[in-house]
PDB file of N, CA and C in Angstrom:
ATOM      1  N   MET A   1      37.631 343.606 133.197  1.00  0.00           N
ATOM      2  CA  MET A   1      38.083 344.321 134.387  1.00  0.00           C
ATOM      3  C   MET A   1      38.997 343.490 135.226  1.00  0.00           C
ATOM      4  N   THR A   2      40.020 343.933 135.621  1.00  0.00           N
ATOM      5  CA  THR A   2      41.039 343.247 136.509  1.00  0.00           C
ATOM      6  C   THR A   2      40.684 343.377 137.986  1.00  0.00           C
ATOM      7  N   GLU A   3      40.706 342.256 138.697  1.00  0.00           N
ATOM      8  CA  GLU A   3      40.495 342.251 140.105  1.00  0.00           C
ATOM      9  C   GLU A   3      41.564 342.936 140.857  1.00  0.00           C
ATOM     10  N   SER A   4      41.255 343.789 141.752  1.00  0.00           N
ATOM     11  CA  SER A   4      42.283 344.447 142.572  1.00  0.00           C
ATOM     12  C   SER A   4      42.874 343.388 143.563  1.00  0.00           C
ATOM     13  N   ARG A   5      44.050 343.697 144.009  1.00  0.00           N
ATOM     14  CA  ARG A   5      44.784 342.766 144.954  1.00  0.00           C
ATOM     15  C   ARG A   5      43.914 342.599 146.281  1.00  0.00           C
ATOM     16  N   GLU A   6      43.366 343.757 146.722  1.00  0.00           N
ATOM     17  CA  GLU A   6      42.560 343.710 147.898  1.00  0.00           C
ATOM     18  C   GLU A   6      41.311 342.755 147.740  1.00  0.00           C
ATOM     19  N   ASN A   7      40.664 343.001 146.569  1.00  0.00           N
ATOM     20  CA  ASN A   7      39.447 342.075 146.424  1.00  0.00           C
ATOM     21  C   ASN A   7      39.817 340.660 146.215  1.00  0.00           C
ATOM     22  N   ARG A   8      40.964 340.404 145.542  1.00  0.00           N
ATOM     23  CA  ARG A   8      41.454 339.086 145.313  1.00  0.00           C
ATOM     24  C   ARG A   8      41.674 338.421 146.721  1.00  0.00           C
ATOM     25  N   LEU A   9      42.358 339.107 147.644  1.00  0.00           N
ATOM     26  CA  LEU A   9      42.653 338.437 148.881  1.00  0.00           C
ATOM     27  C   LEU A   9      41.394 338.204 149.681  1.00  0.00           C
ATOM     28  N   LYS A  10      40.422 339.136 149.632  1.00  0.00           N
ATOM     29  CA  LYS A  10      39.128 338.928 150.325  1.00  0.00           C
ATOM     30  C   LYS A  10      38.502 337.689 149.728  1.00  0.00           C
ATOM     31  N   ARG A  11      38.461 337.592 148.361  1.00  0.00           N
ATOM     32  CA  ARG A  11      37.813 336.492 147.718  1.00  0.00           C
ATOM     33  C   ARG A  11      38.445 335.121 148.102  1.00  0.00           C
ATOM     34  N   LEU A  12      39.761 335.112 148.093  1.00  0.00           N
ATOM     35  CA  LEU A  12      40.498 333.920 148.472  1.00  0.00           C
ATOM     36  C   LEU A  12      40.259 333.547 149.926  1.00  0.00           C
ATOM     37  N   SER A  13      40.325 334.541 150.767  1.00  0.00           N
ATOM     38  CA  SER A  13      39.994 334.273 152.262  1.00  0.00           C
ATOM     39  C   SER A  13      38.633 333.658 152.364  1.00  0.00           C
ATOM     40  N   MET A  14      37.665 334.181 151.696  1.00  0.00           N
ATOM     41  CA  MET A  14      36.286 333.644 151.815  1.00  0.00           C
ATOM     42  C   MET A  14      36.182 332.228 151.317  1.00  0.00           C
ATOM     43  N   ARG A  15      36.873 332.017 150.166  1.00  0.00           N
ATOM     44  CA  ARG A  15      36.840 330.665 149.640  1.00  0.00           C
ATOM     45  C   ARG A  15      37.591 329.652 150.533  1.00  0.00           C
ATOM     46  N   SER A  16      38.540 330.205 151.330  1.00  0.00           N
ATOM     47  CA  SER A  16      39.264 329.367 152.242  1.00  0.00           C
ATOM     48  C   SER A  16      38.321 328.972 153.402  1.00  0.00           C
ATOM     49  N   MET A  17      37.428 329.895 153.830  1.00  0.00           N
ATOM     50  CA  MET A  17      36.539 329.691 154.970  1.00  0.00           C
ATOM     51  C   MET A  17      35.336 328.830 154.670  1.00  0.00           C
ATOM     52  N   ARG A  18      34.899 328.876 153.428  1.00  0.00           N
ATOM     53  CA  ARG A  18      33.608 328.241 153.034  1.00  0.00           C
ATOM     54  C   ARG A  18      33.873 327.065 152.093  1.00  0.00           C
ATOM     55  N   ARG A  19      34.438 326.027 152.812  1.00  0.00           N
ATOM     56  CA  ARG A  19      34.789 324.766 152.111  1.00  0.00           C
ATOM     57  C   ARG A  19      33.582 323.788 152.218  1.00  0.00           C
ATOM     58  N   GLY A  20      33.870 322.598 151.678  1.00  0.00           N
ATOM     59  CA  GLY A  20      32.771 321.581 151.746  1.00  0.00           C
ATOM     60  C   GLY A  20      32.784 320.780 153.076  1.00  0.00           C
ATOM     61  N   ILE A  21      33.939 320.761 153.730  1.00  0.00           N
ATOM     62  CA  ILE A  21      34.059 319.971 154.925  1.00  0.00           C
ATOM     63  C   ILE A  21      34.751 320.927 156.004  1.00  0.00           C
ATOM     64  N   LYS A  22      34.208 320.752 157.249  1.00  0.00           N
ATOM     65  CA  LYS A  22      34.613 321.663 158.372  1.00  0.00           C
ATOM     66  C   LYS A  22      36.132 321.635 158.598  1.00  0.00           C
ATOM     67  N   GLU A  23      36.740 320.487 158.474  1.00  0.00           N
ATOM     68  CA  GLU A  23      38.228 320.354 158.686  1.00  0.00           C
ATOM     69  C   GLU A  23      38.957 321.321 157.739  1.00  0.00           C
ATOM     70  N   MET A  24      38.547 321.346 156.477  1.00  0.00           N
ATOM     71  CA  MET A  24      39.261 322.156 155.478  1.00  0.00           C
ATOM     72  C   MET A  24      38.854 323.646 155.765  1.00  0.00           C
ATOM     73  N   ASP A  25      37.699 323.928 156.265  1.00  0.00           N
ATOM     74  CA  ASP A  25      37.371 325.363 156.639  1.00  0.00           C
ATOM     75  C   ASP A  25      38.418 325.844 157.754  1.00  0.00           C
ATOM     76  N   ILE A  26      38.695 325.012 158.657  1.00  0.00           N
ATOM     77  CA  ILE A  26      39.550 325.455 159.691  1.00  0.00           C
ATOM     78  C   ILE A  26      40.957 325.542 159.213  1.00  0.00           C
ATOM     79  N   ILE A  27      41.426 324.475 158.511  1.00  0.00           N
ATOM     80  CA  ILE A  27      42.859 324.434 158.047  1.00  0.00           C
ATOM     81  C   ILE A  27      43.073 325.558 157.023  1.00  0.00           C
ATOM     82  N   LEU A  28      42.315 325.749 156.019  1.00  0.00           N
ATOM     83  CA  LEU A  28      42.547 326.743 155.028  1.00  0.00           C
ATOM     84  C   LEU A  28      42.305 328.265 155.450  1.00  0.00           C
ATOM     85  N   SER A  29      41.332 328.394 156.345  1.00  0.00           N
ATOM     86  CA  SER A  29      41.103 329.748 156.886  1.00  0.00           C
ATOM     87  C   SER A  29      42.257 330.215 157.685  1.00  0.00           C
ATOM     88  N   ARG A  30      42.840 329.355 158.523  1.00  0.00           N
ATOM     89  CA  ARG A  30      44.005 329.748 159.223  1.00  0.00           C
ATOM     90  C   ARG A  30      45.196 330.060 158.311  1.00  0.00           C
ATOM     91  N   TYR A  31      45.368 329.077 157.409  1.00  0.00           N
ATOM     92  CA  TYR A  31      46.533 329.297 156.372  1.00  0.00           C
ATOM     93  C   TYR A  31      46.335 330.663 155.712  1.00  0.00           C
ATOM     94  N   ALA A  32      45.143 330.847 155.151  1.00  0.00           N
ATOM     95  CA  ALA A  32      44.947 332.173 154.479  1.00  0.00           C
ATOM     96  C   ALA A  32      45.211 333.377 155.329  1.00  0.00           C
ATOM     97  N   GLU A  33      44.855 333.305 156.615  1.00  0.00           N
ATOM     98  CA  GLU A  33      45.016 334.372 157.471  1.00  0.00           C
ATOM     99  C   GLU A  33      46.479 334.707 157.725  1.00  0.00           C
ATOM    100  N   LEU A  34      47.315 333.598 157.829  1.00  0.00           N
ATOM    101  CA  LEU A  34      48.755 333.777 158.065  1.00  0.00           C
ATOM    102  C   LEU A  34      49.609 334.002 156.815  1.00  0.00           C
ATOM    103  N   ARG A  35      49.166 333.562 155.644  1.00  0.00           N
ATOM    104  CA  ARG A  35      50.098 333.579 154.496  1.00  0.00           C
ATOM    105  C   ARG A  35      49.639 334.490 153.300  1.00  0.00           C
ATOM    106  N   LEU A  36      48.432 334.651 153.051  1.00  0.00           N
ATOM    107  CA  LEU A  36      47.915 335.238 151.770  1.00  0.00           C
ATOM    108  C   LEU A  36      48.521 336.700 151.533  1.00  0.00           C
ATOM    109  N   GLU A  37      48.566 337.438 152.590  1.00  0.00           N
ATOM    110  CA  GLU A  37      49.124 338.794 152.454  1.00  0.00           C
ATOM    111  C   GLU A  37      50.576 338.805 151.926  1.00  0.00           C
ATOM    112  N   GLY A  38      51.339 337.799 152.255  1.00  0.00           N
ATOM    113  CA  GLY A  38      52.762 337.770 151.801  1.00  0.00           C
ATOM    114  C   GLY A  38      52.948 337.141 150.424  1.00  0.00           C
ATOM    115  N   PHE A  39      51.885 336.622 149.839  1.00  0.00           N
ATOM    116  CA  PHE A  39      52.067 335.945 148.552  1.00  0.00           C
ATOM    117  C   PHE A  39      52.131 336.983 147.336  1.00  0.00           C
ATOM    118  N   ASP A  40      52.990 336.661 146.407  1.00  0.00           N
ATOM    119  CA  ASP A  40      53.019 337.483 145.215  1.00  0.00           C
ATOM    120  C   ASP A  40      51.910 336.865 144.309  1.00  0.00           C
ATOM    121  N   ASP A  41      51.736 337.509 143.127  1.00  0.00           N
ATOM    122  CA  ASP A  41      50.614 337.157 142.224  1.00  0.00           C
ATOM    123  C   ASP A  41      50.801 335.742 141.759  1.00  0.00           C
ATOM    124  N   ALA A  42      51.921 335.203 141.476  1.00  0.00           N
ATOM    125  CA  ALA A  42      52.099 333.865 141.116  1.00  0.00           C
ATOM    126  C   ALA A  42      51.687 332.865 142.175  1.00  0.00           C
ATOM    127  N   MET A  43      52.005 333.182 143.357  1.00  0.00           N
ATOM    128  CA  MET A  43      51.566 332.276 144.435  1.00  0.00           C
ATOM    129  C   MET A  43      50.023 332.378 144.701  1.00  0.00           C
ATOM    130  N   LEU A  44      49.433 333.583 144.558  1.00  0.00           N
ATOM    131  CA  LEU A  44      48.044 333.634 144.608  1.00  0.00           C
ATOM    132  C   LEU A  44      47.326 332.828 143.486  1.00  0.00           C
ATOM    133  N   ASP A  45      47.907 332.922 142.330  1.00  0.00           N
ATOM    134  CA  ASP A  45      47.360 332.123 141.186  1.00  0.00           C
ATOM    135  C   ASP A  45      47.353 330.591 141.634  1.00  0.00           C
ATOM    136  N   ARG A  46      48.434 330.140 142.205  1.00  0.00           N
ATOM    137  CA  ARG A  46      48.588 328.805 142.616  1.00  0.00           C
ATOM    138  C   ARG A  46      47.598 328.406 143.678  1.00  0.00           C
ATOM    139  N   TYR A  47      47.480 329.284 144.641  1.00  0.00           N
ATOM    140  CA  TYR A  47      46.504 329.008 145.801  1.00  0.00           C
ATOM    141  C   TYR A  47      45.087 329.031 145.292  1.00  0.00           C
ATOM    142  N   ASP A  48      44.803 329.952 144.436  1.00  0.00           N
ATOM    143  CA  ASP A  48      43.471 330.018 143.778  1.00  0.00           C
ATOM    144  C   ASP A  48      43.092 328.719 143.091  1.00  0.00           C
ATOM    145  N   ALA A  49      44.120 328.159 142.291  1.00  0.00           N
ATOM    146  CA  ALA A  49      43.878 326.951 141.609  1.00  0.00           C
ATOM    147  C   ALA A  49      43.663 325.726 142.645  1.00  0.00           C
ATOM    148  N   LEU A  50      44.508 325.829 143.739  1.00  0.00           N
ATOM    149  CA  LEU A  50      44.297 324.733 144.741  1.00  0.00           C
ATOM    150  C   LEU A  50      42.959 324.809 145.390  1.00  0.00           C
ATOM    151  N   LEU A  51      42.284 325.974 145.475  1.00  0.00           N
ATOM    152  CA  LEU A  51      40.965 325.959 146.063  1.00  0.00           C
ATOM    153  C   LEU A  51      39.928 325.335 145.124  1.00  0.00           C
ATOM    154  N   SER A  52      40.278 325.083 143.939  1.00  0.00           N
ATOM    155  CA  SER A  52      39.340 324.392 143.019  1.00  0.00           C
ATOM    156  C   SER A  52      39.353 322.899 143.191  1.00  0.00           C
ATOM    157  N   GLU A  53      40.403 322.399 143.931  1.00  0.00           N
ATOM    158  CA  GLU A  53      40.540 320.957 144.143  1.00  0.00           C
ATOM    159  C   GLU A  53      39.427 320.485 145.110  1.00  0.00           C
ATOM    160  N   ASN A  54      39.085 319.193 145.044  1.00  0.00           N
ATOM    161  CA  ASN A  54      38.122 318.555 145.883  1.00  0.00           C
ATOM    162  C   ASN A  54      38.620 318.526 147.353  1.00  0.00           C
ATOM    163  N   ASP A  55      37.652 318.814 148.275  1.00  0.00           N
ATOM    164  CA  ASP A  55      38.057 318.892 149.624  1.00  0.00           C
ATOM    165  C   ASP A  55      38.487 317.619 150.177  1.00  0.00           C
ATOM    166  N   GLN A  56      37.874 316.509 149.792  1.00  0.00           N
ATOM    167  CA  GLN A  56      38.348 315.279 150.281  1.00  0.00           C
ATOM    168  C   GLN A  56      39.789 314.947 149.841  1.00  0.00           C
ATOM    169  N   ASP A  57      40.122 315.322 148.708  1.00  0.00           N
ATOM    170  CA  ASP A  57      41.521 315.106 148.196  1.00  0.00           C
ATOM    171  C   ASP A  57      42.455 316.031 148.958  1.00  0.00           C
ATOM    172  N   LEU A  58      42.081 317.315 149.025  1.00  0.00           N
ATOM    173  CA  LEU A  58      42.825 318.251 149.829  1.00  0.00           C
ATOM    174  C   LEU A  58      43.131 317.764 151.346  1.00  0.00           C
ATOM    175  N   TYR A  59      42.104 317.327 152.003  1.00  0.00           N
ATOM    176  CA  TYR A  59      42.269 316.822 153.344  1.00  0.00           C
ATOM    177  C   TYR A  59      43.216 315.644 153.390  1.00  0.00           C
ATOM    178  N   GLN A  60      43.101 314.717 152.473  1.00  0.00           N
ATOM    179  CA  GLN A  60      44.065 313.534 152.489  1.00  0.00           C
ATOM    180  C   GLN A  60      45.503 313.982 152.230  1.00  0.00           C
ATOM    181  N   TRP A  61      45.688 315.001 151.312  1.00  0.00           N
ATOM    182  CA  TRP A  61      47.078 315.475 151.019  1.00  0.00           C
ATOM    183  C   TRP A  61      47.612 316.219 152.161  1.00  0.00           C
ATOM    184  N   VAL A  62      46.861 317.105 152.779  1.00  0.00           N
ATOM    185  CA  VAL A  62      47.264 317.908 153.871  1.00  0.00           C
ATOM    186  C   VAL A  62      47.651 317.108 155.147  1.00  0.00           C
ATOM    187  N   SER A  63      46.776 316.094 155.266  1.00  0.00           N
ATOM    188  CA  SER A  63      46.979 315.250 156.562  1.00  0.00           C
ATOM    189  C   SER A  63      47.948 314.075 156.322  1.00  0.00           C
ATOM    190  N   GLY A  64      48.588 313.984 155.079  1.00  0.00           N
ATOM    191  CA  GLY A  64      49.559 312.974 154.812  1.00  0.00           C
ATOM    192  C   GLY A  64      48.988 311.559 154.470  1.00  0.00           C
ATOM    193  N   GLN A  65      47.741 311.471 154.327  1.00  0.00           N
ATOM    194  CA  GLN A  65      47.126 310.193 154.037  1.00  0.00           C
ATOM    195  C   GLN A  65      47.383 309.665 152.656  1.00  0.00           C
ATOM    196  N   ARG A  66      47.536 310.719 151.690  1.00  0.00           N
ATOM    197  CA  ARG A  66      48.008 310.395 150.343  1.00  0.00           C
ATOM    198  C   ARG A  66      48.937 311.436 149.824  1.00  0.00           C
ATOM    199  N   PRO A  67      49.810 311.130 148.952  1.00  0.00           N
ATOM    200  CA  PRO A  67      50.715 312.131 148.444  1.00  0.00           C
ATOM    201  C   PRO A  67      49.965 313.108 147.461  1.00  0.00           C
ATOM    202  N   PRO A  68      50.334 314.374 147.558  1.00  0.00           N
ATOM    203  CA  PRO A  68      49.718 315.367 146.658  1.00  0.00           C
ATOM    204  C   PRO A  68      50.341 315.264 145.301  1.00  0.00           C
ATOM    205  N   PRO A  69      49.717 315.855 144.272  1.00  0.00           N
ATOM    206  CA  PRO A  69      50.322 315.912 142.937  1.00  0.00           C
ATOM    207  C   PRO A  69      51.522 316.726 142.981  1.00  0.00           C
ATOM    208  N   ASP A  70      52.515 316.370 142.164  1.00  0.00           N
ATOM    209  CA  ASP A  70      53.834 317.130 142.204  1.00  0.00           C
ATOM    210  C   ASP A  70      53.661 318.608 142.046  1.00  0.00           C
ATOM    211  N   SER A  71      52.692 319.061 141.315  1.00  0.00           N
ATOM    212  CA  SER A  71      52.519 320.412 141.074  1.00  0.00           C
ATOM    213  C   SER A  71      51.999 321.238 142.274  1.00  0.00           C
ATOM    214  N   LEU A  72      51.527 320.520 143.241  1.00  0.00           N
ATOM    215  CA  LEU A  72      51.029 321.122 144.472  1.00  0.00           C
ATOM    216  C   LEU A  72      51.794 320.811 145.749  1.00  0.00           C
ATOM    217  N   ARG A  73      52.838 319.958 145.506  1.00  0.00           N
ATOM    218  CA  ARG A  73      53.577 319.362 146.689  1.00  0.00           C
ATOM    219  C   ARG A  73      54.136 320.432 147.687  1.00  0.00           C
ATOM    220  N   ASP A  74      54.711 321.491 147.216  1.00  0.00           N
ATOM    221  CA  ASP A  74      55.285 322.508 148.118  1.00  0.00           C
ATOM    222  C   ASP A  74      54.225 323.272 148.789  1.00  0.00           C
ATOM    223  N   LEU A  75      53.245 323.608 148.062  1.00  0.00           N
ATOM    224  CA  LEU A  75      52.038 324.374 148.711  1.00  0.00           C
ATOM    225  C   LEU A  75      51.283 323.481 149.666  1.00  0.00           C
ATOM    226  N   ILE A  76      51.109 322.258 149.449  1.00  0.00           N
ATOM    227  CA  ILE A  76      50.504 321.427 150.408  1.00  0.00           C
ATOM    228  C   ILE A  76      51.323 321.171 151.592  1.00  0.00           C
ATOM    229  N   SER A  77      52.608 321.109 151.424  1.00  0.00           N
ATOM    230  CA  SER A  77      53.590 320.969 152.528  1.00  0.00           C
ATOM    231  C   SER A  77      53.492 322.175 153.421  1.00  0.00           C
ATOM    232  N   ASP A  78      53.483 323.334 152.824  1.00  0.00           N
ATOM    233  CA  ASP A  78      53.413 324.567 153.646  1.00  0.00           C
ATOM    234  C   ASP A  78      52.114 324.657 154.434  1.00  0.00           C
ATOM    235  N   ILE A  79      50.957 324.204 153.835  1.00  0.00           N
ATOM    236  CA  ILE A  79      49.659 324.252 154.439  1.00  0.00           C
ATOM    237  C   ILE A  79      49.664 323.297 155.589  1.00  0.00           C
ATOM    238  N   SER A  80      50.337 322.068 155.385  1.00  0.00           N
ATOM    239  CA  SER A  80      50.391 321.050 156.433  1.00  0.00           C
ATOM    240  C   SER A  80      51.275 321.574 157.579  1.00  0.00           C
ATOM    241  N   GLU A  81      52.284 322.255 157.362  1.00  0.00           N
ATOM    242  CA  GLU A  81      53.201 322.768 158.436  1.00  0.00           C
ATOM    243  C   GLU A  81      52.307 323.764 159.250  1.00  0.00           C
ATOM    244  N   VAL A  82      51.599 324.655 158.613  1.00  0.00           N
ATOM    245  CA  VAL A  82      50.795 325.638 159.361  1.00  0.00           C
ATOM    246  C   VAL A  82      49.711 324.977 160.078  1.00  0.00           C
ATOM    247  N   ALA A  83      49.017 323.985 159.577  1.00  0.00           N
ATOM    248  CA  ALA A  83      47.863 323.348 160.114  1.00  0.00           C
ATOM    249  C   ALA A  83      48.177 322.507 161.327  1.00  0.00           C
ATOM    250  N   PHE A  84      49.369 321.920 161.356  1.00  0.00           N
ATOM    251  CA  PHE A  84      49.769 320.997 162.373  1.00  0.00           C
ATOM    252  C   PHE A  84      50.894 321.442 163.345  1.00  0.00           C
ATOM    253  N   GLN A  85      51.187 322.800 163.257  1.00  0.00           N
ATOM    254  CA  GLN A  85      52.172 323.252 164.208  1.00  0.00           C
ATOM    255  C   GLN A  85      51.490 323.496 165.519  1.00  0.00           C
ATOM    256  N   ARG A  86      52.138 323.399 166.564  1.00  0.00           N
ATOM    257  CA  ARG A  86      51.631 323.593 167.916  1.00  0.00           C
ATOM    258  C   ARG A  86      52.185 324.826 168.578  1.00  0.00           C
TER     259      ARG A  86
END
């Protein structure tokens, strides 16, 4: 059975809010709230894969402490922009 877009967005939003570290809960839940609705299926696939990454790695990539893998560079850059805009 194929997951509906509505259910997929809800699932990804919940996974964004329930991370292993509080910092990533805050960063990814805000990002999901602002961006997920506008993503096409390919971007949702990429974001879904990103959510499988280790939170410690994600935090270091988003905060600029370490460079992200090339395959995630543009997505991490967008998350960083959203997370650190004032």
